[in-house]
């Protein structure tokens, strides 16, 4: 082989090795950066999930209070209806007593 061809092969091989090393180093840096970003995103997601869980727990408490209030109102409405019925009966008795006393 001539000296020119040998020099071209050596120079091509060195260039190829340089390119491969550069690509490998670049890929490692990129992977490290992606890992860091992934860790940050994971931390952010965990924080957001914790906030959502807290908000859901608060909503459950509010719903429980609401349901409790509905049950109490249902009981109060029943009591009101019972008292109104008792008032009607008492008014009829009073009317009957007034009629009896008016005749006497």
C-alpha atoms as a PDB file:
ATOM      1  CA  UNK A   1       0.000   0.000   0.000  1.00  0.00           C
ATOM      2  CA  UNK A   2       1.134   3.437  -0.647  1.00  0.00           C
ATOM      3  CA  UNK A   3       1.866   5.882   2.086  1.00  0.00           C
ATOM      4  CA  UNK A   4      -1.026   8.120   1.050  1.00  0.00           C
ATOM      5  CA  UNK A   5      -3.611   5.334   1.291  1.00  0.00           C
ATOM      6  CA  UNK A   6      -2.257   4.184   4.661  1.00  0.00           C
ATOM      7  CA  UNK A   7      -2.344   7.742   5.974  1.00  0.00           C
ATOM      8  CA  UNK A   8      -5.942   8.115   4.715  1.00  0.00           C
ATOM      9  CA  UNK A   9      -7.023   4.870   6.434  1.00  0.00           C
ATOM     10  CA  UNK A  10      -5.357   5.854   9.721  1.00  0.00           C
ATOM     11  CA  UNK A  11      -6.824   9.319   9.558  1.00  0.00           C
ATOM     12  CA  UNK A  12     -10.303   7.903   8.764  1.00  0.00           C
ATOM     13  CA  UNK A  13     -10.028   5.428  11.657  1.00  0.00           C
ATOM     14  CA  UNK A  14      -8.998   8.189  14.089  1.00  0.00           C
ATOM     15  CA  UNK A  15     -11.866  10.374  12.851  1.00  0.00           C
ATOM     16  CA  UNK A  16     -14.312   7.486  13.268  1.00  0.00           C
ATOM     17  CA  UNK A  17     -13.048   6.808  16.803  1.00  0.00           C
ATOM     18  CA  UNK A  18     -13.393  10.523  17.625  1.00  0.00           C
ATOM     19  CA  UNK A  19     -16.962  10.589  16.309  1.00  0.00           C
ATOM     20  CA  UNK A  20     -17.916   7.426  18.236  1.00  0.00           C
ATOM     21  CA  UNK A  21     -16.421   8.814  21.463  1.00  0.00           C
ATOM     22  CA  UNK A  22     -18.195  12.136  20.940  1.00  0.00           C
ATOM     23  CA  UNK A  23     -21.545  10.417  20.332  1.00  0.00           C
ATOM     24  CA  UNK A  24     -21.145   8.150  23.372  1.00  0.00           C
ATOM     25  CA  UNK A  25     -20.221  11.065  25.651  1.00  0.00           C
ATOM     26  CA  UNK A  26     -23.074  13.155  24.247  1.00  0.00           C
ATOM     27  CA  UNK A  27     -25.551  10.307  24.785  1.00  0.00           C
ATOM     28  CA  UNK A  28     -24.383   9.840  28.388  1.00  0.00           C
ATOM     29  CA  UNK A  29     -24.827  13.551  29.088  1.00  0.00           C
ATOM     30  CA  UNK A  30     -28.263  13.488  27.514  1.00  0.00           C
ATOM     31  CA  UNK A  31     -29.287  10.415  29.506  1.00  0.00           C
ATOM     32  CA  UNK A  32     -28.055  12.023  32.742  1.00  0.00           C
ATOM     33  CA  UNK A  33     -30.042  15.177  31.965  1.00  0.00           C
ATOM     34  CA  UNK A  34     -33.151  13.120  31.166  1.00  0.00           C
ATOM     35  CA  UNK A  35     -32.737  11.199  34.419  1.00  0.00           C
ATOM     36  CA  UNK A  36     -32.502  14.468  36.366  1.00  0.00           C
ATOM     37  CA  UNK A  37     -35.574  15.858  34.629  1.00  0.00           C
ATOM     38  CA  UNK A  38     -37.400  12.600  35.232  1.00  0.00           C
ATOM     39  CA  UNK A  39     -36.590  12.765  38.948  1.00  0.00           C
ATOM     40  CA  UNK A  40     -37.856  16.348  39.097  1.00  0.00           C
ATOM     41  CA  UNK A  41     -41.051  15.381  37.263  1.00  0.00           C
ATOM     42  CA  UNK A  42     -41.526  12.394  39.585  1.00  0.00           C
ATOM     43  CA  UNK A  43     -41.151  14.660  42.608  1.00  0.00           C
ATOM     44  CA  UNK A  44     -43.580  17.181  41.125  1.00  0.00           C
ATOM     45  CA  UNK A  45     -46.087  14.437  40.332  1.00  0.00           C
ATOM     46  CA  UNK A  46     -45.827  13.013  43.838  1.00  0.00           C
ATOM     47  CA  UNK A  47     -46.485  16.481  45.250  1.00  0.00           C
ATOM     48  CA  UNK A  48     -49.472  17.000  42.970  1.00  0.00           C
ATOM     49  CA  UNK A  49     -50.841  13.559  43.853  1.00  0.00           C
ATOM     50  CA  UNK A  50     -50.522  14.387  47.544  1.00  0.00           C
ATOM     51  CA  UNK A  51     -52.448  17.630  47.007  1.00  0.00           C
ATOM     52  CA  UNK A  52     -55.161  15.797  45.067  1.00  0.00           C
ATOM     53  CA  UNK A  53     -55.467  13.165  47.812  1.00  0.00           C
ATOM     54  CA  UNK A  54     -55.824  15.920  50.414  1.00  0.00           C
ATOM     55  CA  UNK A  55     -58.486  17.656  48.340  1.00  0.00           C
ATOM     56  CA  UNK A  56     -60.377  14.384  47.883  1.00  0.00           C
ATOM     57  CA  UNK A  57     -60.273  13.781  51.636  1.00  0.00           C
ATOM     58  CA  UNK A  58     -61.631  17.310  52.210  1.00  0.00           C
ATOM     59  CA  UNK A  59     -64.401  16.682  49.684  1.00  0.00           C
ATOM     60  CA  UNK A  60     -65.315  13.449  51.447  1.00  0.00           C
ATOM     61  CA  UNK A  61     -65.567  15.299  54.757  1.00  0.00           C
ATOM     62  CA  UNK A  62     -67.786  17.932  53.159  1.00  0.00           C
ATOM     63  CA  UNK A  63     -69.943  15.252  51.596  1.00  0.00           C
ATOM     64  CA  UNK A  64     -70.278  13.482  54.942  1.00  0.00           C
ATOM     65  CA  UNK A  65     -71.340  16.753  56.584  1.00  0.00           C
ATOM     66  CA  UNK A  66     -73.836  17.356  53.802  1.00  0.00           C
ATOM     67  CA  UNK A  67     -75.270  13.850  54.082  1.00  0.00           C
ATOM     68  CA  UNK A  68     -75.524  14.237  57.859  1.00  0.00           C
ATOM     69  CA  UNK A  69     -77.360  17.528  57.406  1.00  0.00           C
ATOM     70  CA  UNK A  70     -79.771  15.908  54.928  1.00  0.00           C
ATOM     71  CA  UNK A  71     -80.545  13.147  57.443  1.00  0.00           C
ATOM     72  CA  UNK A  72     -81.116  15.704  60.197  1.00  0.00           C
ATOM     73  CA  UNK A  73     -83.386  17.780  57.958  1.00  0.00           C
ATOM     74  CA  UNK A  74     -85.390  14.688  57.070  1.00  0.00           C
ATOM     75  CA  UNK A  75     -85.873  13.991  60.786  1.00  0.00           C
ATOM     76  CA  UNK A  76     -86.758  17.645  61.451  1.00  0.00           C
ATOM     77  CA  UNK A  77     -89.347  17.615  58.658  1.00  0.00           C
ATOM     78  CA  UNK A  78     -90.936  14.513  60.157  1.00  0.00           C
ATOM     79  CA  UNK A  79     -91.023  16.211  63.571  1.00  0.00           C
ATOM     80  CA  UNK A  80     -92.560  19.366  62.057  1.00  0.00           C
ATOM     81  CA  UNK A  81     -95.250  17.310  60.332  1.00  0.00           C
ATOM     82  CA  UNK A  82     -96.007  15.526  63.601  1.00  0.00           C
ATOM     83  CA  UNK A  83     -96.241  18.820  65.518  1.00  0.00           C
ATOM     84  CA  UNK A  84     -98.499  20.299  62.808  1.00  0.00           C
ATOM     85  CA  UNK A  85    -100.791  17.287  63.085  1.00  0.00           C
ATOM     86  CA  UNK A  86    -100.868  17.666  66.868  1.00  0.00           C
ATOM     87  CA  UNK A  87    -101.746  21.359  66.447  1.00  0.00           C
ATOM     88  CA  UNK A  88    -104.634  20.457  64.131  1.00  0.00           C
ATOM     89  CA  UNK A  89    -105.967  17.964  66.656  1.00  0.00           C
ATOM     90  CA  UNK A  90    -105.587  20.492  69.483  1.00  0.00           C
ATOM     91  CA  UNK A  91    -107.370  23.180  67.443  1.00  0.00           C
ATOM     92  CA  UNK A  92    -110.251  20.784  66.733  1.00  0.00           C
ATOM     93  CA  UNK A  93    -110.520  20.003  70.445  1.00  0.00           C
ATOM     94  CA  UNK A  94    -110.523  23.709  71.275  1.00  0.00           C
ATOM     95  CA  UNK A  95    -113.224  24.313  68.665  1.00  0.00           C
ATOM     96  CA  UNK A  96    -115.271  21.433  70.083  1.00  0.00           C
ATOM     97  CA  UNK A  97    -114.862  22.784  73.643  1.00  0.00           C
ATOM     98  CA  UNK A  98    -115.850  26.306  72.502  1.00  0.00           C
ATOM     99  CA  UNK A  99    -118.986  24.911  70.846  1.00  0.00           C
ATOM    100  CA  UNK A 100    -119.877  22.998  74.026  1.00  0.00           C
ATOM    101  CA  UNK A 101    -119.320  26.023  76.263  1.00  0.00           C
ATOM    102  CA  UNK A 102    -121.231  28.278  73.869  1.00  0.00           C
ATOM    103  CA  UNK A 103    -124.288  25.982  74.040  1.00  0.00           C
ATOM    104  CA  UNK A 104    -124.208  25.881  77.817  1.00  0.00           C
END
